[in-house]
């Protein structure tokens, strides 16, 4: 009896524990609409589930073996009225759920710009969206504010009642960007960009995290999301601009290395092309970007001989995560003629004091194409051969 009493008191203890059911009490309008969709869908399903459960108990009790009042009809096998109720009621519920799901799928599409700040307050031209570029790292979050030229690690802030346009990607593996109080989760994937549009309606500090397992430091991929007044957000931006650190490509490559439980930090300035380079897997100096390779492919590519040229374009995930196995990191720098490659190399060495890791340019090394002047693939002596300039780290 004591054990049974404890089990009966467990639901009451949960209700009195002060748990924050943030999904059912969000602070952002998009999350509120998602909550409403969840509640309405649940109630519609309960219209069928509750009567079925109740009738299960009723029939079990009424037609129990010891009952003397139940009608005994062993030859009964059909009732048109009962069949109509059994099939029509679930069908109507499914139609309603289908309509709600279709509307919710389109109206709450994370790629769709929001059209209201909250119920009864539409978005106007005065509501300028706040752009935030999100990068999921191992195992931390990088937030870039391109309109302000600042960035932060493991801390996100936005003004109350201002639309937020998120552009989301990942550095190595798949993660999931999720702030329950703001909007639903959306995946962050390397070499791909996902989008999320949302708005926060109440000031406060809310928790964000990754909802997709990504390795040893996954449990520490949590960050604070601050919903601030306009003045408080201005102060937060000023605080970030007052930081000493600057987020250049070199700084990013260091930040990108796997680390756990990173403290909050701010960057006073950001390389304006950094996010695009992260998205196109070409943060390293001189590396060909994925969109450049796609442009070449869209124009017809390099033919069968150039198929393998895409291999070094892949992100060197193993080396970046500290693995000791795998091939040496290499990448495509550019696709050009031998003469253009040599000229570019000389110009780079003259204009930049950095020691570029270019090793052997004669003959030009390729991954799929013959070296310049080798073989019979040249159309004629006056036509320069296509070569592949390859850097090795």
Foldseek 3Di string as FASTA:
>chain_A
DVVVVVVVCVVVCVVVVPDDPCLCVFQWALSPVVNVLVVVLVVLVCVPVVVVVVVVVVCCVCPPPPHPPDDDDPPDDDDPVVVCVVPVSVVVSVVVNVVSVVVCCVQSVFVDAHQARHPPGGDDPVQDEFEWEWECAQDWIKIARLVLQKIKIQEAEDEASHKYKYKAAYQFAKWWKDFSNWHGIDIHYALDIDIGIIGGHDFDKTKIATPDDDDDQRVQHMHIYGHHHPVVVVVVSVVLLPDDAAAALVNVLVVREHDHNDDMHMHNGYDSCQSVCSSQVHSDPQADGNVVQVVCVVVPHDPPLCPQLCVLSDHPNCVSHPHPDDDFRKGFRDKDFLVVVVVVVVVCVVVDVDDFQQDDVVQADAGRDDTWPDDDPDPDPVDTDIGTHMGTD
